[in-house]
Amino acid sequence: MTNKITSILMTFTEGSEHTLTEISQLAGLPISTAHRLTSELASWRLLERTTDGRYRAGLALRMMGSGDSCAPELRERAPCVLEDLSRVTHSRVRLGVLQDLEVAYIEKQPGPRPVSSFMPAATLPVHPTALGRALLAFAPASVVEMTILRGLRAYTPHTVTAPDRFRRALAVVRLTRVAVTRFELEATTCAVAVPVFGPGGELAAAIELTVPDLGRELQPVMAALTIAARSLSRELGGGSATHGAQVSGVYATVAAPPPPSPAWAERSASRTPRHVRT
């Protein structure tokens, strides 16, 4: 068995990607054996599958061979963080990045199923999701305005569709670094999200937790969510703490004091000014 596994791993010594058929031929193994062993190696994260179904060396294997201390890429480290966070909170967990005025995301549902992969079809609208607001709050002002000009579609009766109210919600996120939405995308779920920062304090992604009720279930999960985001931020920053880093870009002048309570953030974001009609 050891010789078969070694023969498979040796096909990736030059950092190449292979289909299952190529692995079978290069390792001199039957296709059924190659399939079983590559699946097992992928579950150990020694190999990983690309979006087109090929296999390549996983993070653990590359780190063993490289010996350098560069920060792991977001797509490599994020699944581990989502798995741990979902296990602790028993909630659906998502990590997303901005892509063409939408949120490209991966998610981990409670239970044994693995974390999903970034796929072209796996996108969410920006404005009615906590994930999208945590990203948009630290994006350039032009991206915010393009999102508003595109139209703030009402997905439920609770979706924020007034531009002034939406801008105000983003201002609260920039201040607290916590985004919350209540029944805005799905009529039965609420969500809370926090940003993830990379080298130099640049926004890298956001992590979102889905909860049935913000009033009762927000506070218990906030500690785990915050710890997960800070841990991923440190890894992406090459080991440096990024929580206190200045946010670069158009919002670099916004102060970042210790975040107020999540409950205050949720109340402030949902409060509608008298002069705004939704």
Protein backbone atom coordinates (compact mmCIF):
# COMPACT_ATOMS: atom_id res chain seq x y z
CA MET A 1 0.00 0.00 0.00
CA THR A 2 2.81 2.43 0.93
CA ASN A 3 4.49 1.89 -2.45
CA LYS A 4 1.24 2.66 -4.29
CA ILE A 5 0.70 5.89 -2.36
CA THR A 6 4.32 6.91 -2.92
CA SER A 7 4.02 6.28 -6.66
CA ILE A 8 0.99 8.58 -6.79
CA LEU A 9 2.66 11.34 -4.79
CA MET A 10 5.77 11.15 -6.96
CA THR A 11 3.72 12.18 -9.99
CA PHE A 12 3.32 15.63 -8.40
CA THR A 13 6.99 16.36 -7.63
CA GLU A 14 7.16 19.10 -10.28
CA GLY A 15 3.99 20.86 -9.14
CA SER A 16 1.94 19.68 -12.10
CA GLU A 17 -1.77 18.87 -12.27
CA HIS A 18 -3.10 15.52 -13.53
CA THR A 19 -6.39 13.89 -14.37
CA LEU A 20 -7.23 10.59 -12.70
CA THR A 21 -6.39 8.74 -15.92
CA GLU A 22 -2.97 10.42 -16.10
CA ILE A 23 -2.27 9.55 -12.45
CA SER A 24 -3.19 5.93 -13.15
CA GLN A 25 -0.84 5.77 -16.13
CA LEU A 26 2.08 7.61 -14.49
CA ALA A 27 1.85 5.58 -11.27
CA GLY A 28 1.31 2.29 -13.08
CA LEU A 29 -1.89 1.52 -11.17
CA PRO A 30 -5.36 0.33 -12.18
CA ILE A 31 -7.81 3.20 -12.52
CA SER A 32 -9.94 1.88 -9.64
CA THR A 33 -6.92 1.77 -7.31
CA ALA A 34 -5.79 5.23 -8.39
CA HIS A 35 -9.28 6.59 -7.77
CA ARG A 36 -9.50 5.09 -4.27
CA LEU A 37 -6.06 6.28 -3.20
CA THR A 38 -6.31 9.78 -4.66
CA SER A 39 -9.66 10.23 -2.90
CA GLU A 40 -8.05 9.16 0.36
CA LEU A 41 -5.06 11.48 -0.16
CA ALA A 42 -7.47 14.33 -0.93
CA SER A 43 -9.35 13.68 2.33
CA TRP A 44 -5.99 14.05 4.13
CA ARG A 45 -5.38 17.30 2.18
CA LEU A 46 -2.18 15.89 0.68
CA LEU A 47 -3.88 16.29 -2.70
CA GLU A 48 -6.64 18.67 -3.75
CA ARG A 49 -9.05 18.77 -6.68
CA THR A 50 -9.24 21.74 -9.01
CA THR A 51 -12.49 23.11 -10.40
CA ASP A 52 -12.01 21.14 -13.64
CA GLY A 53 -11.57 17.82 -11.80
CA ARG A 54 -7.78 17.55 -11.94
CA TYR A 55 -5.59 16.75 -8.95
CA ARG A 56 -2.61 18.71 -7.63
CA ALA A 57 -0.41 18.71 -4.54
CA GLY A 58 -2.25 19.99 -1.48
CA LEU A 59 -1.04 22.63 0.94
CA ALA A 60 0.35 20.14 3.46
CA LEU A 61 2.42 18.38 0.79
CA ARG A 62 3.76 21.63 -0.65
CA MET A 63 4.71 22.95 2.78
CA MET A 64 6.64 19.75 3.53
CA GLY A 65 8.58 20.17 0.33
CA SER A 66 9.11 23.90 0.21
CA GLY A 67 10.36 24.86 3.67
CA ASP A 68 9.42 28.51 3.17
CA SER A 69 7.22 30.50 5.52
CA CYS A 70 5.01 32.37 3.05
CA ALA A 71 1.38 32.78 4.04
CA PRO A 72 -1.00 30.13 2.67
CA GLU A 73 -3.44 31.28 0.03
CA LEU A 74 -6.99 32.05 1.05
CA ARG A 75 -8.55 29.19 -0.88
CA GLU A 76 -6.17 26.74 0.78
CA ARG A 77 -6.63 27.79 4.39
CA ALA A 78 -10.27 28.86 4.33
CA PRO A 79 -11.82 25.35 4.21
CA CYS A 80 -10.09 24.38 7.44
CA VAL A 81 -11.39 27.50 9.18
CA LEU A 82 -14.94 26.93 7.92
CA GLU A 83 -14.93 23.31 9.04
CA ASP A 84 -13.84 24.23 12.55
CA LEU A 85 -16.31 27.12 12.82
CA SER A 86 -19.26 25.05 11.58
CA ARG A 87 -18.39 22.26 13.99
CA VAL A 88 -18.26 24.62 16.96
CA THR A 89 -21.38 26.64 16.14
CA HIS A 90 -23.49 23.94 14.42
CA SER A 91 -24.36 26.57 11.82
CA ARG A 92 -24.00 27.12 8.09
CA VAL A 93 -20.77 29.00 7.50
CA ARG A 94 -19.71 30.87 4.36
CA LEU A 95 -16.57 32.63 3.22
CA GLY A 96 -16.86 35.03 0.31
CA VAL A 97 -14.94 37.46 -1.87
CA LEU A 98 -16.16 40.27 -4.11
CA GLN A 99 -16.38 39.35 -7.77
CA ASP A 100 -18.09 41.49 -10.41
CA LEU A 101 -20.51 43.12 -7.95
CA GLU A 102 -21.46 39.73 -6.53
CA VAL A 103 -20.10 37.50 -3.80
CA ALA A 104 -18.27 34.34 -4.86
CA TYR A 105 -18.37 31.98 -1.92
CA ILE A 106 -17.66 28.59 -0.42
CA GLU A 107 -19.72 27.14 2.41
CA LYS A 108 -19.81 24.44 5.05
CA GLN A 109 -23.16 23.05 6.08
CA PRO A 110 -23.52 21.38 9.49
CA GLY A 111 -22.82 17.67 9.24
CA PRO A 112 -20.29 15.42 7.49
CA ARG A 113 -20.35 16.99 4.02
CA PRO A 114 -17.08 18.75 3.09
CA VAL A 115 -16.63 22.42 2.35
CA SER A 116 -17.79 23.37 -1.12
CA SER A 117 -15.47 24.82 -3.76
CA PHE A 118 -15.45 28.20 -5.49
CA MET A 119 -17.57 27.68 -8.60
CA PRO A 120 -18.83 30.13 -11.25
CA ALA A 121 -22.44 29.39 -10.27
CA ALA A 122 -21.81 29.81 -6.53
CA THR A 123 -22.54 33.51 -6.12
CA LEU A 124 -24.73 35.63 -3.86
CA PRO A 125 -26.10 39.16 -4.25
CA VAL A 126 -24.13 41.75 -2.31
CA HIS A 127 -26.69 44.05 -0.76
CA PRO A 128 -29.07 41.65 1.09
CA THR A 129 -26.35 39.47 2.64
CA ALA A 130 -24.21 40.04 5.73
CA LEU A 131 -21.35 38.51 3.75
CA GLY A 132 -21.74 41.06 0.97
CA ARG A 133 -22.01 44.02 3.34
CA ALA A 134 -18.90 43.00 5.28
CA LEU A 135 -17.06 43.06 1.94
CA LEU A 136 -18.70 46.13 0.45
CA ALA A 137 -18.12 48.25 3.56
CA PHE A 138 -14.37 48.16 2.89
CA ALA A 139 -14.52 48.28 -0.91
CA PRO A 140 -13.83 51.45 -2.96
CA ALA A 141 -16.66 53.99 -2.96
CA SER A 142 -17.10 53.44 -6.71
CA VAL A 143 -18.03 49.79 -6.08
CA VAL A 144 -20.64 50.83 -3.54
CA GLU A 145 -22.18 53.33 -5.96
CA MET A 146 -22.16 50.82 -8.82
CA THR A 147 -23.99 48.36 -6.58
CA ILE A 148 -26.63 50.97 -5.78
CA LEU A 149 -27.00 52.05 -9.43
CA ARG A 150 -27.46 48.43 -10.40
CA GLY A 151 -30.53 48.37 -8.18
CA LEU A 152 -31.18 47.13 -4.64
CA ARG A 153 -33.63 44.36 -5.43
CA ALA A 154 -36.12 43.35 -2.75
CA TYR A 155 -35.71 39.61 -2.09
CA THR A 156 -38.06 39.71 0.91
CA PRO A 157 -40.19 42.43 2.54
CA HIS A 158 -37.24 43.03 4.91
CA THR A 159 -34.59 43.73 2.24
CA VAL A 160 -33.03 47.18 2.51
CA THR A 161 -33.74 48.87 -0.82
CA ALA A 162 -33.37 52.58 0.00
CA PRO A 163 -29.92 53.85 -1.05
CA ASP A 164 -29.54 56.19 1.96
CA ARG A 165 -30.39 53.46 4.41
CA PHE A 166 -28.04 51.04 2.65
CA ARG A 167 -25.15 53.52 2.83
CA ARG A 168 -25.87 54.03 6.51
CA ALA A 169 -25.77 50.27 7.10
CA LEU A 170 -22.34 50.10 5.45
CA ALA A 171 -21.12 52.97 7.63
CA VAL A 172 -22.09 50.98 10.72
CA VAL A 173 -20.17 47.97 9.38
CA ARG A 174 -17.06 50.10 8.83
CA LEU A 175 -17.28 51.33 12.40
CA THR A 176 -18.04 48.03 14.14
CA ARG A 177 -16.52 45.54 11.68
CA VAL A 178 -19.68 43.49 12.12
CA ALA A 179 -22.39 43.11 9.45
CA VAL A 180 -25.84 41.77 10.27
CA THR A 181 -28.90 41.09 8.13
CA ARG A 182 -32.36 40.07 9.30
CA PHE A 183 -34.52 38.04 6.87
CA GLU A 184 -33.25 40.08 3.89
CA LEU A 185 -32.24 37.33 1.46
CA GLU A 186 -34.14 34.38 2.90
CA ALA A 187 -37.37 34.95 4.78
CA THR A 188 -36.47 32.50 7.55
CA THR A 189 -32.82 33.23 8.32
CA CYS A 190 -30.60 35.97 9.69
CA ALA A 191 -26.85 36.28 9.33
CA VAL A 192 -23.80 37.92 10.86
CA ALA A 193 -20.46 38.43 9.09
CA VAL A 194 -17.04 39.90 9.80
CA PRO A 195 -14.26 40.91 7.40
CA VAL A 196 -10.95 39.09 6.96
CA PHE A 197 -7.88 41.20 6.25
CA GLY A 198 -4.67 40.17 4.51
CA PRO A 199 -1.18 41.67 4.24
CA GLY A 200 -1.06 45.39 4.97
CA GLY A 201 -4.63 45.43 6.25
CA GLU A 202 -6.10 44.94 2.78
CA LEU A 203 -9.54 43.35 2.72
CA ALA A 204 -9.21 39.70 1.67
CA ALA A 205 -12.60 38.11 2.34
CA ALA A 206 -15.45 37.88 4.85
CA ILE A 207 -16.87 35.05 6.94
CA GLU A 208 -20.61 34.68 7.59
CA LEU A 209 -22.65 32.63 10.03
CA THR A 210 -26.34 31.92 9.47
CA VAL A 211 -28.56 32.03 12.56
CA PRO A 212 -32.34 31.65 12.88
CA ASP A 213 -32.73 34.52 15.35
CA LEU A 214 -30.30 37.42 15.88
CA GLY A 215 -31.85 38.34 19.22
CA ARG A 216 -31.25 34.98 20.88
CA GLU A 217 -28.39 33.42 18.93
CA LEU A 218 -26.07 36.25 17.88
CA GLN A 219 -24.10 36.70 21.08
CA PRO A 220 -23.22 32.99 21.63
CA VAL A 221 -21.59 32.62 18.17
CA MET A 222 -19.82 35.98 17.95
CA ALA A 223 -16.74 34.88 19.89
CA ALA A 224 -16.14 31.88 17.62
CA LEU A 225 -16.77 33.94 14.47
CA THR A 226 -14.40 36.71 15.55
CA ILE A 227 -11.66 34.28 16.55
CA ALA A 228 -11.95 32.46 13.19
CA ALA A 229 -11.69 35.71 11.22
CA ARG A 230 -8.71 36.98 13.23
CA SER A 231 -6.94 33.64 12.93
CA LEU A 232 -7.36 33.61 9.16
CA SER A 233 -6.28 37.27 8.97
CA ARG A 234 -3.07 36.45 10.84
CA GLU A 235 -2.28 33.54 8.54
CA LEU A 236 -2.90 35.58 5.40
CA GLY A 237 -0.73 38.34 6.82
CA GLY A 238 2.22 36.00 7.24
CA GLY A 239 1.78 35.68 10.98
CA SER A 240 1.32 39.34 11.82
CA ALA A 241 -1.75 40.53 13.68
CA THR A 242 -3.99 42.48 11.33
CA HIS A 243 -6.92 43.22 13.63
CA GLY A 244 -5.54 46.62 14.54
CA ALA A 245 -4.14 47.43 11.11
CA GLN A 246 -5.34 50.50 9.28
CA VAL A 247 -7.74 49.79 6.48
CA SER A 248 -6.27 50.96 3.20
CA GLY A 249 -8.12 52.52 0.30
CA VAL A 250 -10.93 55.04 0.24
CA TYR A 251 -12.00 54.23 3.79
CA ALA A 252 -8.53 54.40 5.33
CA THR A 253 -9.52 57.47 7.34
CA VAL A 254 -12.33 55.66 9.16
CA ALA A 255 -11.34 55.00 12.74
CA ALA A 256 -11.32 51.42 14.02
CA PRO A 257 -12.00 51.51 17.77
CA PRO A 258 -12.83 48.35 19.72
CA PRO A 259 -16.09 47.09 18.17
CA PRO A 260 -19.30 47.95 20.04
CA SER A 261 -21.53 45.06 20.97
CA PRO A 262 -23.05 43.06 18.07
CA ALA A 263 -26.52 43.81 19.44
CA TRP A 264 -25.86 47.55 19.10
CA ALA A 265 -24.60 47.02 15.54
CA GLU A 266 -27.76 45.12 14.61
CA ARG A 267 -30.04 47.78 16.11
CA SER A 268 -28.13 50.63 14.45
CA ALA A 269 -28.08 48.99 11.02
CA SER A 270 -31.79 48.23 11.09
CA ARG A 271 -32.96 51.63 12.40
CA THR A 272 -34.57 53.61 9.56
CA PRO A 273 -34.11 57.42 9.58
CA ARG A 274 -37.42 59.30 9.53
CA HIS A 275 -36.73 60.98 6.21
CA VAL A 276 -35.98 57.70 4.38
CA ARG A 277 -38.77 55.72 2.79
CA THR A 278 -38.23 52.02 2.12
